[in-house]
């Protein structure tokens, strides 16, 4: 669904929440287990084939408007580039936050040069897999700290952006415009998506109450039913059913 949305959205700048590698890893996990959950597996296989998701994935890796912004990764591309021994013990984003002044960004650096990722042979031929990994090697990482009150952002960008000063300028300006108040420390669309996901807890609680009501309405022993529906742990001090 993320690939579908990223390829069809009309916007000039498309942001992925996470790294490009994570997207491939999750796809591999899902596609490798199609047979274990037949109903969902059949649906995923149908979407994979009918919507040409492999081609969309490769196109996303070479896009001139799509970039990935992982919140955290242990990768540190600065190792060996800086005469500071302690930088080996930090992730790249921490190092970039320490060394970049507001408005500065780093030279694009390769990310996946010596890595190979896989998808099941049942849905991805050897030729397609080679094309996928070739596109992945073109991905570059740029650290950008637009303001003093925000930590450096780790941006994974396709080579088409990294090697074009015009496209890169548009990306940096677009990211800067999405960080307009100190309360937002990641680009606003990702901030909103994160808020929406975190608000699902309230919806789950409402669904739990609805289910409990339905079960107790059809129970012959309400006391025993409520006991069986009780959580084994207290949730936020409310006991929880």
C-alpha atoms as a PDB file:
ATOM      1  CA  UNK A   1       0.000   0.000   0.000  1.00  0.00           C
ATOM      2  CA  UNK A   2       2.899   2.349   0.746  1.00  0.00           C
ATOM      3  CA  UNK A   3       4.428   1.607  -2.655  1.00  0.00           C
ATOM      4  CA  UNK A   4       1.091   2.155  -4.347  1.00  0.00           C
ATOM      5  CA  UNK A   5       0.589   5.484  -2.593  1.00  0.00           C
ATOM      6  CA  UNK A   6       4.164   6.640  -3.232  1.00  0.00           C
ATOM      7  CA  UNK A   7       3.936   5.932  -6.954  1.00  0.00           C
ATOM      8  CA  UNK A   8       0.478   7.451  -7.505  1.00  0.00           C
ATOM      9  CA  UNK A   9       0.590  10.569  -5.335  1.00  0.00           C
ATOM     10  CA  UNK A  10       0.799  13.789  -7.404  1.00  0.00           C
ATOM     11  CA  UNK A  11       3.093  15.648  -4.975  1.00  0.00           C
ATOM     12  CA  UNK A  12       6.540  16.993  -5.852  1.00  0.00           C
ATOM     13  CA  UNK A  13       8.061  15.440  -2.714  1.00  0.00           C
ATOM     14  CA  UNK A  14       7.198  11.976  -1.384  1.00  0.00           C
ATOM     15  CA  UNK A  15       8.425  10.906   2.065  1.00  0.00           C
ATOM     16  CA  UNK A  16       8.750   7.301   3.222  1.00  0.00           C
ATOM     17  CA  UNK A  17       8.708   6.651   6.971  1.00  0.00           C
ATOM     18  CA  UNK A  18      11.709   4.336   7.344  1.00  0.00           C
ATOM     19  CA  UNK A  19      14.611   3.269   5.178  1.00  0.00           C
ATOM     20  CA  UNK A  20      14.476   1.826   1.673  1.00  0.00           C
ATOM     21  CA  UNK A  21      16.081  -1.357   3.002  1.00  0.00           C
ATOM     22  CA  UNK A  22      13.335  -1.798   5.614  1.00  0.00           C
ATOM     23  CA  UNK A  23      10.715  -1.649   2.866  1.00  0.00           C
ATOM     24  CA  UNK A  24      12.438  -4.472   0.975  1.00  0.00           C
ATOM     25  CA  UNK A  25      12.959  -6.529   4.148  1.00  0.00           C
ATOM     26  CA  UNK A  26       9.274  -6.317   5.094  1.00  0.00           C
ATOM     27  CA  UNK A  27       8.210  -7.216   1.568  1.00  0.00           C
ATOM     28  CA  UNK A  28      10.527 -10.219   1.658  1.00  0.00           C
ATOM     29  CA  UNK A  29       9.071 -11.365   4.981  1.00  0.00           C
ATOM     30  CA  UNK A  30       5.518 -11.100   3.682  1.00  0.00           C
ATOM     31  CA  UNK A  31       6.167 -12.686   0.292  1.00  0.00           C
ATOM     32  CA  UNK A  32       8.141 -15.553   1.854  1.00  0.00           C
ATOM     33  CA  UNK A  33       5.161 -16.583   3.971  1.00  0.00           C
ATOM     34  CA  UNK A  34       2.329 -16.391   1.458  1.00  0.00           C
ATOM     35  CA  UNK A  35       1.329 -20.030   1.996  1.00  0.00           C
ATOM     36  CA  UNK A  36       1.104 -19.774   5.785  1.00  0.00           C
ATOM     37  CA  UNK A  37      -1.866 -17.392   5.763  1.00  0.00           C
ATOM     38  CA  UNK A  38      -3.808 -18.348   2.606  1.00  0.00           C
ATOM     39  CA  UNK A  39      -6.422 -15.564   2.639  1.00  0.00           C
ATOM     40  CA  UNK A  40      -3.948 -12.713   3.197  1.00  0.00           C
ATOM     41  CA  UNK A  41      -1.280 -14.449   1.139  1.00  0.00           C
ATOM     42  CA  UNK A  42      -3.543 -14.747  -1.891  1.00  0.00           C
ATOM     43  CA  UNK A  43      -4.459 -11.087  -1.588  1.00  0.00           C
ATOM     44  CA  UNK A  44      -0.813 -10.007  -1.367  1.00  0.00           C
ATOM     45  CA  UNK A  45       0.180 -12.178  -4.323  1.00  0.00           C
ATOM     46  CA  UNK A  46      -2.676 -10.732  -6.384  1.00  0.00           C
ATOM     47  CA  UNK A  47      -1.643  -7.164  -5.515  1.00  0.00           C
ATOM     48  CA  UNK A  48       2.005  -7.956  -6.218  1.00  0.00           C
ATOM     49  CA  UNK A  49       1.184  -9.185  -9.709  1.00  0.00           C
ATOM     50  CA  UNK A  50      -1.789  -7.043 -10.760  1.00  0.00           C
ATOM     51  CA  UNK A  51      -0.301  -3.758  -9.548  1.00  0.00           C
ATOM     52  CA  UNK A  52       3.264  -4.462 -10.753  1.00  0.00           C
ATOM     53  CA  UNK A  53       4.648  -3.782  -7.279  1.00  0.00           C
ATOM     54  CA  UNK A  54       8.151  -4.986  -8.160  1.00  0.00           C
ATOM     55  CA  UNK A  55       8.380  -2.457 -10.985  1.00  0.00           C
ATOM     56  CA  UNK A  56       6.993   0.223  -8.668  1.00  0.00           C
ATOM     57  CA  UNK A  57       9.618  -0.661  -6.073  1.00  0.00           C
ATOM     58  CA  UNK A  58      12.457  -0.336  -8.582  1.00  0.00           C
ATOM     59  CA  UNK A  59      10.964   2.930  -9.869  1.00  0.00           C
ATOM     60  CA  UNK A  60      10.770   4.285  -6.310  1.00  0.00           C
ATOM     61  CA  UNK A  61      14.460   3.514  -5.779  1.00  0.00           C
ATOM     62  CA  UNK A  62      15.265   5.613  -8.854  1.00  0.00           C
ATOM     63  CA  UNK A  63      12.677   8.336  -8.311  1.00  0.00           C
ATOM     64  CA  UNK A  64      13.430  12.057  -8.597  1.00  0.00           C
ATOM     65  CA  UNK A  65      10.940  12.944  -5.855  1.00  0.00           C
ATOM     66  CA  UNK A  66      10.962  10.134  -3.278  1.00  0.00           C
ATOM     67  CA  UNK A  67      13.200   9.908  -0.222  1.00  0.00           C
ATOM     68  CA  UNK A  68      13.218   7.745   2.894  1.00  0.00           C
ATOM     69  CA  UNK A  69      13.623   9.167   6.403  1.00  0.00           C
ATOM     70  CA  UNK A  70      14.263   6.513   9.052  1.00  0.00           C
ATOM     71  CA  UNK A  71      13.837   7.781  12.611  1.00  0.00           C
ATOM     72  CA  UNK A  72      16.772   5.709  13.800  1.00  0.00           C
ATOM     73  CA  UNK A  73      19.412   3.430  12.354  1.00  0.00           C
ATOM     74  CA  UNK A  74      22.701   2.232  13.820  1.00  0.00           C
ATOM     75  CA  UNK A  75      24.480   2.964  10.537  1.00  0.00           C
ATOM     76  CA  UNK A  76      27.345   5.451  10.680  1.00  0.00           C
ATOM     77  CA  UNK A  77      28.711   6.523   7.317  1.00  0.00           C
ATOM     78  CA  UNK A  78      31.184   8.873   9.009  1.00  0.00           C
ATOM     79  CA  UNK A  79      33.375   6.045  10.288  1.00  0.00           C
ATOM     80  CA  UNK A  80      36.845   6.585   8.868  1.00  0.00           C
ATOM     81  CA  UNK A  81      35.931   9.985   7.404  1.00  0.00           C
ATOM     82  CA  UNK A  82      36.392  12.057  10.545  1.00  0.00           C
ATOM     83  CA  UNK A  83      39.533  12.260  12.713  1.00  0.00           C
ATOM     84  CA  UNK A  84      37.429  11.609  15.814  1.00  0.00           C
ATOM     85  CA  UNK A  85      37.772   8.109  17.218  1.00  0.00           C
ATOM     86  CA  UNK A  86      34.585   8.285  19.300  1.00  0.00           C
ATOM     87  CA  UNK A  87      32.431   8.689  16.189  1.00  0.00           C
ATOM     88  CA  UNK A  88      32.760   4.935  15.655  1.00  0.00           C
ATOM     89  CA  UNK A  89      30.616   4.383  18.744  1.00  0.00           C
ATOM     90  CA  UNK A  90      27.769   6.646  17.604  1.00  0.00           C
ATOM     91  CA  UNK A  91      25.145   6.366  14.916  1.00  0.00           C
ATOM     92  CA  UNK A  92      25.464   8.705  11.967  1.00  0.00           C
ATOM     93  CA  UNK A  93      22.516  10.873  12.937  1.00  0.00           C
ATOM     94  CA  UNK A  94      24.014  11.623  16.357  1.00  0.00           C
ATOM     95  CA  UNK A  95      27.366  12.553  14.817  1.00  0.00           C
ATOM     96  CA  UNK A  96      25.660  14.758  12.217  1.00  0.00           C
ATOM     97  CA  UNK A  97      23.668  16.569  14.920  1.00  0.00           C
ATOM     98  CA  UNK A  98      26.931  17.341  16.723  1.00  0.00           C
ATOM     99  CA  UNK A  99      28.883  18.631  13.741  1.00  0.00           C
ATOM    100  CA  UNK A 100      26.286  20.351  11.550  1.00  0.00           C
ATOM    101  CA  UNK A 101      25.318  23.963  12.039  1.00  0.00           C
ATOM    102  CA  UNK A 102      21.738  25.087  11.261  1.00  0.00           C
ATOM    103  CA  UNK A 103      21.200  25.095   7.509  1.00  0.00           C
ATOM    104  CA  UNK A 104      24.084  22.716   6.764  1.00  0.00           C
ATOM    105  CA  UNK A 105      23.955  19.310   5.121  1.00  0.00           C
ATOM    106  CA  UNK A 106      26.514  16.647   4.297  1.00  0.00           C
ATOM    107  CA  UNK A 107      27.849  15.523   0.957  1.00  0.00           C
ATOM    108  CA  UNK A 108      25.873  12.519  -0.350  1.00  0.00           C
ATOM    109  CA  UNK A 109      27.444   9.249   0.790  1.00  0.00           C
ATOM    110  CA  UNK A 110      26.726   5.696  -0.455  1.00  0.00           C
ATOM    111  CA  UNK A 111      24.599   3.480   1.776  1.00  0.00           C
ATOM    112  CA  UNK A 112      24.096   0.014   0.277  1.00  0.00           C
ATOM    113  CA  UNK A 113      27.178  -0.425  -1.898  1.00  0.00           C
ATOM    114  CA  UNK A 114      28.280  -3.797  -0.480  1.00  0.00           C
ATOM    115  CA  UNK A 115      24.887  -5.235   0.413  1.00  0.00           C
ATOM    116  CA  UNK A 116      22.513  -7.556  -1.433  1.00  0.00           C
ATOM    117  CA  UNK A 117      18.839  -7.921  -0.596  1.00  0.00           C
ATOM    118  CA  UNK A 118      16.550 -10.754  -1.596  1.00  0.00           C
ATOM    119  CA  UNK A 119      12.962 -11.419  -2.554  1.00  0.00           C
ATOM    120  CA  UNK A 120      11.503 -14.929  -3.023  1.00  0.00           C
ATOM    121  CA  UNK A 121      12.351 -16.481  -6.397  1.00  0.00           C
ATOM    122  CA  UNK A 122       8.672 -17.374  -6.798  1.00  0.00           C
ATOM    123  CA  UNK A 123       7.802 -13.690  -7.276  1.00  0.00           C
ATOM    124  CA  UNK A 124      11.132 -12.189  -8.360  1.00  0.00           C
ATOM    125  CA  UNK A 125      13.402 -13.574 -11.071  1.00  0.00           C
ATOM    126  CA  UNK A 126      17.201 -13.424 -10.827  1.00  0.00           C
ATOM    127  CA  UNK A 127      17.224 -10.672 -13.459  1.00  0.00           C
ATOM    128  CA  UNK A 128      14.658  -8.613 -11.546  1.00  0.00           C
ATOM    129  CA  UNK A 129      16.582  -9.105  -8.310  1.00  0.00           C
ATOM    130  CA  UNK A 130      19.775  -7.894  -9.958  1.00  0.00           C
ATOM    131  CA  UNK A 131      17.934  -4.812 -11.226  1.00  0.00           C
ATOM    132  CA  UNK A 132      16.584  -4.189  -7.715  1.00  0.00           C
ATOM    133  CA  UNK A 133      20.010  -4.403  -6.059  1.00  0.00           C
ATOM    134  CA  UNK A 134      21.570  -2.243  -8.776  1.00  0.00           C
ATOM    135  CA  UNK A 135      18.986   0.452  -8.082  1.00  0.00           C
ATOM    136  CA  UNK A 136      19.659   0.107  -4.358  1.00  0.00           C
ATOM    137  CA  UNK A 137      23.383   0.753  -4.791  1.00  0.00           C
ATOM    138  CA  UNK A 138      22.533   4.170  -6.247  1.00  0.00           C
ATOM    139  CA  UNK A 139      20.895   5.251  -2.989  1.00  0.00           C
ATOM    140  CA  UNK A 140      22.837   7.974  -1.152  1.00  0.00           C
ATOM    141  CA  UNK A 141      22.482   9.273   2.406  1.00  0.00           C
ATOM    142  CA  UNK A 142      22.447  12.958   3.266  1.00  0.00           C
ATOM    143  CA  UNK A 143      22.265  14.398   6.775  1.00  0.00           C
ATOM    144  CA  UNK A 144      20.527  17.754   6.977  1.00  0.00           C
ATOM    145  CA  UNK A 145      19.974  20.035   9.972  1.00  0.00           C
ATOM    146  CA  UNK A 146      17.631  22.796   8.815  1.00  0.00           C
ATOM    147  CA  UNK A 147      17.267  24.566  12.196  1.00  0.00           C
ATOM    148  CA  UNK A 148      19.124  24.724  15.487  1.00  0.00           C
ATOM    149  CA  UNK A 149      16.175  23.308  17.429  1.00  0.00           C
ATOM    150  CA  UNK A 150      15.906  20.125  15.391  1.00  0.00           C
ATOM    151  CA  UNK A 151      18.368  17.197  15.303  1.00  0.00           C
ATOM    152  CA  UNK A 152      19.943  16.286  11.995  1.00  0.00           C
ATOM    153  CA  UNK A 153      17.649  14.343   9.678  1.00  0.00           C
ATOM    154  CA  UNK A 154      18.903  11.232   7.955  1.00  0.00           C
ATOM    155  CA  UNK A 155      17.653  11.270   4.370  1.00  0.00           C
ATOM    156  CA  UNK A 156      18.127   8.353   1.998  1.00  0.00           C
ATOM    157  CA  UNK A 157      17.772   9.703  -1.537  1.00  0.00           C
ATOM    158  CA  UNK A 158      17.954   8.055  -4.976  1.00  0.00           C
ATOM    159  CA  UNK A 159      20.962   8.867  -7.122  1.00  0.00           C
ATOM    160  CA  UNK A 160      18.715  10.924  -9.408  1.00  0.00           C
ATOM    161  CA  UNK A 161      18.301  13.394  -6.531  1.00  0.00           C
ATOM    162  CA  UNK A 162      21.783  13.154  -5.007  1.00  0.00           C
ATOM    163  CA  UNK A 163      23.514  13.920  -8.320  1.00  0.00           C
ATOM    164  CA  UNK A 164      21.266  16.827  -9.316  1.00  0.00           C
ATOM    165  CA  UNK A 165      21.819  20.133  -7.543  1.00  0.00           C
ATOM    166  CA  UNK A 166      18.396  21.323  -8.715  1.00  0.00           C
ATOM    167  CA  UNK A 167      16.518  18.295  -7.400  1.00  0.00           C
ATOM    168  CA  UNK A 168      18.525  18.262  -4.173  1.00  0.00           C
ATOM    169  CA  UNK A 169      17.803  21.941  -3.617  1.00  0.00           C
ATOM    170  CA  UNK A 170      14.067  21.284  -4.042  1.00  0.00           C
ATOM    171  CA  UNK A 171      14.225  18.387  -1.559  1.00  0.00           C
ATOM    172  CA  UNK A 172      16.082  20.436   1.085  1.00  0.00           C
ATOM    173  CA  UNK A 173      13.699  23.355   0.681  1.00  0.00           C
ATOM    174  CA  UNK A 174      10.719  21.025   0.876  1.00  0.00           C
ATOM    175  CA  UNK A 175      11.979  19.398   4.068  1.00  0.00           C
ATOM    176  CA  UNK A 176      12.723  22.777   5.627  1.00  0.00           C
ATOM    177  CA  UNK A 177       9.189  24.007   4.930  1.00  0.00           C
ATOM    178  CA  UNK A 178       7.724  21.017   6.802  1.00  0.00           C
ATOM    179  CA  UNK A 179       9.541  21.901  10.045  1.00  0.00           C
ATOM    180  CA  UNK A 180       7.833  25.137  10.961  1.00  0.00           C
ATOM    181  CA  UNK A 181       7.559  24.950  14.781  1.00  0.00           C
ATOM    182  CA  UNK A 182       9.852  23.474  17.459  1.00  0.00           C
ATOM    183  CA  UNK A 183       7.148  20.982  18.456  1.00  0.00           C
ATOM    184  CA  UNK A 184       7.568  19.239  15.081  1.00  0.00           C
ATOM    185  CA  UNK A 185      10.985  17.569  14.930  1.00  0.00           C
ATOM    186  CA  UNK A 186      10.328  15.533  11.793  1.00  0.00           C
ATOM    187  CA  UNK A 187       8.712  16.558   8.477  1.00  0.00           C
ATOM    188  CA  UNK A 188       5.050  17.353   9.111  1.00  0.00           C
ATOM    189  CA  UNK A 189       3.501  14.549   6.997  1.00  0.00           C
ATOM    190  CA  UNK A 190       5.526  11.949   8.940  1.00  0.00           C
ATOM    191  CA  UNK A 191       4.671  13.726  12.191  1.00  0.00           C
ATOM    192  CA  UNK A 192       0.956  13.470  11.400  1.00  0.00           C
ATOM    193  CA  UNK A 193       1.233   9.808  10.414  1.00  0.00           C
ATOM    194  CA  UNK A 194       3.033   9.045  13.683  1.00  0.00           C
ATOM    195  CA  UNK A 195       0.332  10.830  15.662  1.00  0.00           C
ATOM    196  CA  UNK A 196      -2.396   8.881  13.895  1.00  0.00           C
ATOM    197  CA  UNK A 197      -0.742   5.543  14.643  1.00  0.00           C
ATOM    198  CA  UNK A 198      -0.271   6.428  18.309  1.00  0.00           C
ATOM    199  CA  UNK A 199      -3.944   7.400  18.601  1.00  0.00           C
ATOM    200  CA  UNK A 200      -5.035   3.888  17.621  1.00  0.00           C
ATOM    201  CA  UNK A 201      -4.825   2.876  21.276  1.00  0.00           C
ATOM    202  CA  UNK A 202      -8.016   4.777  22.049  1.00  0.00           C
ATOM    203  CA  UNK A 203      -9.794   3.049  19.167  1.00  0.00           C
ATOM    204  CA  UNK A 204      -8.620  -0.371  20.358  1.00  0.00           C
ATOM    205  CA  UNK A 205     -10.005   0.320  23.834  1.00  0.00           C
ATOM    206  CA  UNK A 206     -13.400   1.205  22.336  1.00  0.00           C
ATOM    207  CA  UNK A 207     -13.355  -1.992  20.246  1.00  0.00           C
ATOM    208  CA  UNK A 208     -12.511  -4.029  23.356  1.00  0.00           C
ATOM    209  CA  UNK A 209     -15.522  -2.621  25.185  1.00  0.00           C
ATOM    210  CA  UNK A 210     -17.793  -3.369  22.228  1.00  0.00           C
ATOM    211  CA  UNK A 211     -16.580  -6.971  22.076  1.00  0.00           C
ATOM    212  CA  UNK A 212     -17.021  -7.428  25.834  1.00  0.00           C
ATOM    213  CA  UNK A 213     -20.565  -6.080  25.622  1.00  0.00           C
ATOM    214  CA  UNK A 214     -21.408  -8.443  22.771  1.00  0.00           C
ATOM    215  CA  UNK A 215     -19.948 -11.495  24.549  1.00  0.00           C
ATOM    216  CA  UNK A 216     -21.619 -10.791  27.886  1.00  0.00           C
ATOM    217  CA  UNK A 217     -24.986 -10.293  26.196  1.00  0.00           C
ATOM    218  CA  UNK A 218     -24.791 -13.905  25.029  1.00  0.00           C
ATOM    219  CA  UNK A 219     -23.196 -15.396  28.127  1.00  0.00           C
ATOM    220  CA  UNK A 220     -24.906 -17.667  30.631  1.00  0.00           C
ATOM    221  CA  UNK A 221     -22.352 -16.874  33.342  1.00  0.00           C
ATOM    222  CA  UNK A 222     -21.443 -13.196  33.163  1.00  0.00           C
ATOM    223  CA  UNK A 223     -19.093 -13.300  36.165  1.00  0.00           C
ATOM    224  CA  UNK A 224     -17.009 -16.139  34.697  1.00  0.00           C
ATOM    225  CA  UNK A 225     -17.051 -14.526  31.259  1.00  0.00           C
ATOM    226  CA  UNK A 226     -15.761 -11.225  32.611  1.00  0.00           C
ATOM    227  CA  UNK A 227     -13.035 -13.086  34.505  1.00  0.00           C
ATOM    228  CA  UNK A 228     -11.880 -14.850  31.335  1.00  0.00           C
ATOM    229  CA  UNK A 229     -11.888 -11.591  29.399  1.00  0.00           C
ATOM    230  CA  UNK A 230      -9.743  -9.844  32.010  1.00  0.00           C
ATOM    231  CA  UNK A 231      -6.204  -8.900  30.978  1.00  0.00           C
ATOM    232  CA  UNK A 232      -3.362 -10.586  32.815  1.00  0.00           C
ATOM    233  CA  UNK A 233      -1.662  -7.211  33.303  1.00  0.00           C
ATOM    234  CA  UNK A 234      -2.911  -3.828  34.400  1.00  0.00           C
ATOM    235  CA  UNK A 235      -2.961  -1.403  31.465  1.00  0.00           C
ATOM    236  CA  UNK A 236      -2.129   2.173  32.397  1.00  0.00           C
ATOM    237  CA  UNK A 237      -3.576   1.589  35.864  1.00  0.00           C
ATOM    238  CA  UNK A 238      -7.102   0.927  34.605  1.00  0.00           C
ATOM    239  CA  UNK A 239      -7.172  -2.842  35.033  1.00  0.00           C
ATOM    240  CA  UNK A 240      -8.442  -3.341  31.505  1.00  0.00           C
ATOM    241  CA  UNK A 241     -10.972  -5.767  30.084  1.00  0.00           C
END
